[in-house]
Protein backbone atom coordinates (compact mmCIF):
# COMPACT_ATOMS: atom_id res chain seq x y z
CA UNK A 1 0.14 0.14 -0.01
CA UNK A 2 1.28 3.25 -0.79
CA UNK A 3 0.06 7.00 0.01
CA UNK A 4 -0.35 9.43 -2.81
CA UNK A 5 -1.09 13.21 -2.54
CA UNK A 6 -4.14 13.69 -4.84
CA UNK A 7 -3.37 17.44 -4.74
CA UNK A 8 -7.23 18.24 -3.77
CA UNK A 9 -6.35 19.05 -0.17
CA UNK A 10 -6.19 15.36 1.04
CA UNK A 11 -4.45 12.23 -0.05
CA UNK A 12 -5.44 8.69 -1.24
CA UNK A 13 -4.20 5.34 -0.41
CA UNK A 14 -3.58 3.33 -3.44
CA UNK A 15 -2.87 -0.59 -3.46
CA UNK A 16 0.71 -0.97 -4.81
CA UNK A 17 -0.05 -3.73 -7.32
CA UNK A 18 -3.61 -3.07 -8.56
CA UNK A 19 -3.59 0.77 -8.18
CA UNK A 20 -6.95 0.56 -6.71
CA UNK A 21 -7.82 3.50 -4.42
CA UNK A 22 -8.21 1.95 -0.95
CA UNK A 23 -8.98 4.86 1.19
CA UNK A 24 -9.07 8.74 0.70
CA UNK A 25 -8.68 11.35 3.11
CA UNK A 26 -10.08 14.80 2.60
CA UNK A 27 -8.88 17.75 4.53
CA UNK A 28 -6.53 20.50 4.71
CA UNK A 29 -2.89 19.53 3.92
CA UNK A 30 -2.24 16.27 5.37
CA UNK A 31 1.18 15.29 6.58
CA UNK A 32 2.00 12.23 8.28
CA UNK A 33 -0.12 8.96 7.67
CA UNK A 34 -0.02 5.81 9.54
CA UNK A 35 -1.74 2.43 8.62
CA UNK A 36 -2.20 -0.67 11.02
CA UNK A 37 -0.55 -3.96 10.08
CA UNK A 38 -3.92 -5.26 9.33
CA UNK A 39 -4.77 -2.48 6.84
CA UNK A 40 -8.00 -2.23 8.81
CA UNK A 41 -7.22 1.56 10.08
CA UNK A 42 -5.61 4.37 8.58
CA UNK A 43 -4.96 7.86 10.39
CA UNK A 44 -3.69 11.13 8.84
CA UNK A 45 -2.49 14.32 10.56
CA UNK A 46 -2.83 17.47 9.17
CA UNK A 47 -1.07 20.90 9.48
CA UNK A 48 -4.20 22.64 10.72
CA UNK A 49 -4.37 20.49 13.72
CA UNK A 50 -6.41 17.39 13.42
CA UNK A 51 -6.17 13.63 13.09
CA UNK A 52 -8.33 11.94 11.12
CA UNK A 53 -8.71 8.19 11.59
CA UNK A 54 -10.95 5.93 9.44
CA UNK A 55 -11.67 2.15 9.67
CA UNK A 56 -14.75 -0.16 9.14
CA UNK A 57 -16.02 -1.79 5.77
CA UNK A 58 -14.77 0.65 3.03
CA UNK A 59 -13.14 2.94 5.65
CA UNK A 60 -16.62 4.42 6.06
CA UNK A 61 -16.01 5.17 9.85
CA UNK A 62 -14.37 8.42 10.60
CA UNK A 63 -13.30 10.32 13.68
CA UNK A 64 -11.74 13.42 13.74
CA UNK A 65 -9.75 14.35 16.63
CA UNK A 66 -8.40 18.12 17.62
CA UNK A 67 -4.71 17.73 17.90
CA UNK A 68 -4.12 21.32 19.00
CA UNK A 69 -1.57 22.31 16.68
CA UNK A 70 0.20 20.76 13.28
CA UNK A 71 0.82 17.19 13.65
CA UNK A 72 4.24 16.37 12.64
CA UNK A 73 4.49 12.69 13.53
CA UNK A 74 1.86 9.86 13.77
CA UNK A 75 2.32 6.14 14.13
CA UNK A 76 -0.05 3.24 15.15
CA UNK A 77 1.64 0.86 17.57
CA UNK A 78 2.68 -2.66 16.43
CA UNK A 79 -0.69 -4.21 17.58
CA UNK A 80 -2.65 -1.36 16.17
CA UNK A 81 -4.27 -0.49 19.57
CA UNK A 82 -2.89 2.94 20.24
CA UNK A 83 -2.00 5.83 18.09
CA UNK A 84 0.85 8.12 18.78
CA UNK A 85 1.20 11.59 17.43
CA UNK A 86 3.51 14.74 17.99
CA UNK A 87 2.34 18.34 17.86
CA UNK A 88 4.58 21.18 18.67
CA UNK A 89 7.03 19.37 20.59
CA UNK A 90 4.38 17.16 22.60
CA UNK A 91 3.82 13.61 22.33
CA UNK A 92 0.24 12.39 22.61
CA UNK A 93 -0.65 8.61 22.85
């Protein structure tokens, strides 16, 4: 799976072998992206201070979290149960 900026204020995740769009996330200037190992959840941080998490069938479930500043780093834990982010030098998990 690879992430490609779709140049429309968001990003799209494509299957690396079929080039099918797996999930797209709209928003303002996404930066870091993380996908769980089982490929069931995806998260993207934005420079305008949000974390968007999608999961479920067709990634239809979406949660938007206020990060209180630009998100510079984002990663799921190895087991996919926690999400770590960094905003303005502060780490949240």
